[in-house]
Amino acid sequence: GIMAIEHADFDGVERLSAVLGGEVASTFDHPELVTLGECEIIEEIMIGEDKVIRFGGCKSGEACTVVLRGASSHVLDESERSLHDALCILTSTVKEPRTICGGGCTETIMAQAVDRAAEETPGKKALAMSAFARALRQLPAIVADNGGYDSAELVTQLRAAHASGRKTAGLDMYNGTIGDMKDLGVMESFKSKLQVLLSASEAAEMILRVDDIIKCAPRQRDEGMGY
């Protein structure tokens, strides 16, 4: 009645130790001193054409396995990237629990604030601030385009909603309308949004610092090669 797992690498053993609540034992000289792991069920299941061992009802639950399946390696790579991004956002949200409304709501509020500040700023700085506000409004437009909706119509409706005092209004991508992001539960990580803005601003500043581009002359073809 004892199941043995063959060809288990050390990383897999450590994950089993974390999820089952047991200790990794290198010898069996003193088994009474080793803490045993616990789970409710151990079974061998088929995933596709592969046999795997599934541990269910684990004691500590500090680890889990996510199985990704797809028709091609490209689909699997995209799924893995999306899952990795989601887990990174979750990790940053746990470390920094502050959240903000999504669906283009935050970008519209920031664009309005920048526009108001640009109206009070003299000189060429106001032009740069207005361009920054237009760039912020491009984010909800891109979200609407990706959803297959009319971005110009939705973005103008979103601006009008915020101008009327609906500070939590955003894009409802399920219905293609403007909705309340708090009621819909569409929230984003504050830390992630802050990092996106900082990275985009730094990239724009780096491009603006480029005052000239040097292009190398193309290499001359050798006419004697016979091509």
Protein backbone atom coordinates (compact mmCIF):
# COMPACT_ATOMS: atom_id res chain seq x y z
CA GLY A 1 0.00 0.00 0.00
CA ILE A 2 2.96 2.35 -0.44
CA MET A 3 3.29 4.41 -3.63
CA ALA A 4 6.82 5.37 -4.70
CA ILE A 5 7.54 8.27 -7.06
CA GLU A 6 10.33 7.57 -9.53
CA HIS A 7 12.65 10.19 -11.05
CA ALA A 8 11.62 13.04 -8.73
CA ASP A 9 14.10 15.91 -8.96
CA PHE A 10 15.14 17.96 -5.94
CA ASP A 11 12.96 20.95 -6.90
CA GLY A 12 9.94 18.66 -7.11
CA VAL A 13 10.74 17.15 -3.72
CA GLU A 14 11.04 20.60 -2.17
CA ARG A 15 7.66 21.61 -3.61
CA LEU A 16 6.12 18.41 -2.24
CA SER A 17 7.62 19.19 1.15
CA ALA A 18 6.11 22.69 1.06
CA VAL A 19 2.65 21.57 0.02
CA LEU A 20 2.41 18.47 2.21
CA GLY A 21 3.94 20.00 5.33
CA GLY A 22 6.64 17.34 5.64
CA GLU A 23 10.42 17.38 5.91
CA VAL A 24 12.94 16.26 3.29
CA ALA A 25 14.80 13.28 4.78
CA SER A 26 18.14 12.27 3.34
CA THR A 27 18.43 9.06 5.42
CA PHE A 28 16.08 6.66 7.23
CA ASP A 29 18.27 6.16 10.29
CA HIS A 30 15.82 7.93 12.65
CA PRO A 31 12.39 8.00 11.01
CA GLU A 32 10.74 8.94 14.31
CA LEU A 33 12.42 12.36 14.14
CA VAL A 34 11.09 13.19 10.67
CA THR A 35 7.84 15.12 10.25
CA LEU A 36 5.57 13.36 7.78
CA GLY A 37 3.47 15.21 5.25
CA GLU A 38 -0.28 14.76 4.91
CA CYS A 39 -2.89 14.91 2.16
CA GLU A 40 -6.36 13.49 1.68
CA ILE A 41 -5.85 11.68 -1.62
CA ILE A 42 -3.03 10.56 -3.91
CA GLU A 43 -4.04 9.33 -7.34
CA GLU A 44 -2.56 8.78 -10.78
CA ILE A 45 -4.48 10.64 -13.49
CA MET A 46 -4.11 11.14 -17.23
CA ILE A 47 -3.57 14.61 -18.70
CA GLY A 48 -3.54 14.24 -22.44
CA GLU A 49 -1.22 11.32 -23.08
CA ASP A 50 0.85 11.72 -19.91
CA LYS A 51 0.36 10.10 -16.53
CA VAL A 52 0.80 12.35 -13.52
CA ILE A 53 0.35 11.92 -9.76
CA ARG A 54 -2.14 14.31 -8.16
CA PHE A 55 -2.05 15.22 -4.47
CA GLY A 56 -5.40 16.51 -3.21
CA GLY A 57 -6.43 18.04 0.10
CA CYS A 58 -2.89 18.94 1.11
CA LYS A 59 -2.09 19.98 4.65
CA SER A 60 -0.34 23.32 4.21
CA GLY A 61 -1.32 24.29 0.67
CA GLU A 62 1.77 26.46 0.13
CA ALA A 63 2.23 25.31 -3.46
CA CYS A 64 0.15 24.14 -6.39
CA THR A 65 0.54 23.01 -9.97
CA VAL A 66 -1.05 24.80 -12.92
CA VAL A 67 -1.37 22.69 -16.08
CA LEU A 68 -1.44 24.61 -19.36
CA ARG A 69 -2.59 22.90 -22.55
CA GLY A 70 -2.78 24.31 -26.04
CA ALA A 71 -2.85 23.41 -29.70
CA SER A 72 0.64 24.78 -30.39
CA SER A 73 3.76 25.96 -28.63
CA HIS A 74 2.87 29.56 -29.52
CA VAL A 75 -0.46 29.30 -27.69
CA LEU A 76 1.26 27.72 -24.69
CA ASP A 77 3.91 30.45 -24.59
CA GLU A 78 1.25 33.16 -24.66
CA SER A 79 -0.75 31.39 -21.93
CA GLU A 80 2.34 31.02 -19.77
CA ARG A 81 3.23 34.69 -20.25
CA SER A 82 -0.29 35.81 -19.35
CA LEU A 83 -0.33 33.58 -16.26
CA HIS A 84 3.10 34.83 -15.20
CA ASP A 85 1.98 38.47 -15.58
CA ALA A 86 -1.16 37.80 -13.54
CA LEU A 87 0.85 36.16 -10.75
CA CYS A 88 3.31 39.06 -10.72
CA ILE A 89 0.43 41.53 -10.41
CA LEU A 90 -1.04 39.45 -7.58
CA THR A 91 2.31 39.39 -5.79
CA SER A 92 2.75 43.15 -6.09
CA THR A 93 -0.82 43.70 -4.86
CA VAL A 94 -0.16 41.57 -1.77
CA LYS A 95 2.96 43.65 -1.01
CA GLU A 96 1.21 46.95 -1.84
CA PRO A 97 -2.53 46.43 -1.19
CA ARG A 98 -3.65 49.76 -2.63
CA THR A 99 -5.80 49.39 -5.75
CA ILE A 100 -7.25 51.81 -8.30
CA CYS A 101 -10.15 51.64 -10.73
CA GLY A 102 -9.41 50.08 -14.09
CA GLY A 103 -11.09 50.29 -17.47
CA GLY A 104 -9.41 53.59 -18.36
CA CYS A 105 -10.89 55.36 -15.32
CA THR A 106 -7.57 56.29 -13.73
CA GLU A 107 -6.03 57.43 -17.02
CA THR A 108 -8.98 59.73 -17.72
CA ILE A 109 -8.71 61.30 -14.25
CA MET A 110 -4.98 61.86 -14.68
CA ALA A 111 -5.49 63.33 -18.17
CA GLN A 112 -8.06 65.79 -16.80
CA ALA A 113 -5.68 66.84 -14.03
CA VAL A 114 -2.82 67.33 -16.49
CA ASP A 115 -5.06 69.34 -18.83
CA ARG A 116 -6.08 71.65 -15.98
CA ALA A 117 -2.45 72.12 -14.99
CA ALA A 118 -1.49 72.79 -18.62
CA GLU A 119 -4.04 75.62 -18.84
CA GLU A 120 -2.29 77.37 -15.95
CA THR A 121 1.25 76.76 -17.26
CA PRO A 122 2.81 79.37 -19.54
CA GLY A 123 5.31 78.66 -22.29
CA LYS A 124 6.20 75.52 -24.19
CA LYS A 125 5.82 73.35 -21.12
CA ALA A 126 2.06 73.51 -21.63
CA LEU A 127 2.43 71.85 -25.04
CA ALA A 128 4.36 68.96 -23.53
CA MET A 129 1.78 68.59 -20.76
CA SER A 130 -1.08 68.53 -23.26
CA ALA A 131 0.74 65.85 -25.26
CA PHE A 132 1.16 63.82 -22.07
CA ALA A 133 -2.58 64.09 -21.39
CA ARG A 134 -3.36 62.90 -24.94
CA ALA A 135 -1.03 59.94 -24.40
CA LEU A 136 -2.90 59.02 -21.21
CA ARG A 137 -6.21 59.06 -23.09
CA GLN A 138 -4.74 56.66 -25.64
CA LEU A 139 -4.73 53.85 -23.06
CA PRO A 140 -8.54 53.51 -22.80
CA ALA A 141 -8.72 53.93 -26.58
CA ILE A 142 -6.38 50.96 -27.03
CA VAL A 143 -8.46 48.91 -24.58
CA ALA A 144 -11.62 49.69 -26.57
CA ASP A 145 -9.91 48.83 -29.88
CA ASN A 146 -8.72 45.51 -28.50
CA GLY A 147 -12.29 44.72 -27.49
CA GLY A 148 -13.56 45.43 -31.00
CA TYR A 149 -15.50 48.57 -30.04
CA ASP A 150 -15.52 52.11 -31.43
CA SER A 151 -12.74 53.70 -29.39
CA ALA A 152 -13.53 57.28 -30.43
CA GLU A 153 -17.14 56.94 -29.26
CA LEU A 154 -16.31 55.24 -25.97
CA VAL A 155 -13.46 57.57 -25.04
CA THR A 156 -15.58 60.67 -25.64
CA GLN A 157 -18.38 59.16 -23.56
CA LEU A 158 -15.85 58.36 -20.84
CA ARG A 159 -14.56 61.95 -20.81
CA ALA A 160 -18.11 63.28 -20.61
CA ALA A 161 -18.91 60.93 -17.73
CA HIS A 162 -15.91 62.15 -15.72
CA ALA A 163 -16.72 65.77 -16.54
CA SER A 164 -20.20 65.23 -15.06
CA GLY A 165 -18.70 63.99 -11.78
CA ARG A 166 -18.70 60.20 -12.24
CA LYS A 167 -15.16 59.66 -10.97
CA THR A 168 -15.37 55.86 -10.99
CA ALA A 169 -16.63 55.57 -14.58
CA GLY A 170 -14.70 53.32 -16.95
CA LEU A 171 -15.06 51.05 -19.95
CA ASP A 172 -17.45 48.13 -19.54
CA MET A 173 -15.92 45.74 -22.07
CA TYR A 174 -18.68 43.15 -21.64
CA ASN A 175 -21.39 45.47 -22.96
CA GLY A 176 -19.35 48.06 -24.84
CA THR A 177 -20.63 50.91 -22.66
CA ILE A 178 -19.52 53.14 -19.78
CA GLY A 179 -19.96 51.56 -16.35
CA ASP A 180 -18.99 51.99 -12.72
CA MET A 181 -15.69 50.21 -12.17
CA LYS A 182 -16.24 49.73 -8.43
CA ASP A 183 -19.61 48.10 -8.99
CA LEU A 184 -18.16 45.87 -11.73
CA GLY A 185 -15.11 45.01 -9.62
CA VAL A 186 -12.62 46.15 -12.28
CA MET A 187 -9.59 47.15 -10.21
CA GLU A 188 -5.87 47.40 -10.90
CA SER A 189 -2.78 47.28 -8.74
CA PHE A 190 -1.56 50.74 -7.75
CA LYS A 191 2.07 49.65 -7.82
CA SER A 192 1.74 48.10 -11.28
CA LYS A 193 0.04 51.20 -12.72
CA LEU A 194 2.68 53.46 -11.17
CA GLN A 195 5.47 51.37 -12.70
CA VAL A 196 3.80 51.48 -16.12
CA LEU A 197 3.63 55.28 -16.02
CA LEU A 198 7.20 55.65 -14.82
CA SER A 199 8.57 53.27 -17.46
CA ALA A 200 6.64 54.97 -20.27
CA SER A 201 7.74 58.44 -19.13
CA GLU A 202 11.39 57.37 -18.89
CA ALA A 203 11.23 55.84 -22.38
CA ALA A 204 9.72 59.04 -23.81
CA GLU A 205 12.38 61.17 -22.11
CA MET A 206 15.14 58.94 -23.49
CA ILE A 207 13.77 59.27 -27.03
CA LEU A 208 13.51 63.06 -26.69
CA ARG A 209 17.15 63.26 -25.64
CA VAL A 210 18.21 61.76 -29.00
CA ASP A 211 19.23 64.82 -31.03
CA ASP A 212 20.56 63.02 -34.09
CA ILE A 213 20.69 59.61 -35.73
CA ILE A 214 23.79 58.31 -37.47
CA LYS A 215 23.11 55.77 -40.16
CA CYS A 216 25.87 53.61 -41.54
CA ALA A 217 26.26 53.52 -45.29
CA PRO A 218 25.14 50.21 -46.82
CA ARG A 219 27.87 47.79 -47.73
CA GLN A 220 28.71 47.82 -51.43
CA ARG A 221 28.03 44.66 -53.36
CA ASP A 222 30.97 42.93 -54.93
CA GLU A 223 30.22 42.79 -58.65
CA GLY A 224 32.73 40.01 -59.14
CA MET A 225 30.79 37.52 -57.02
CA GLY A 226 28.67 36.54 -60.03
CA TYR A 227 25.29 36.86 -58.33
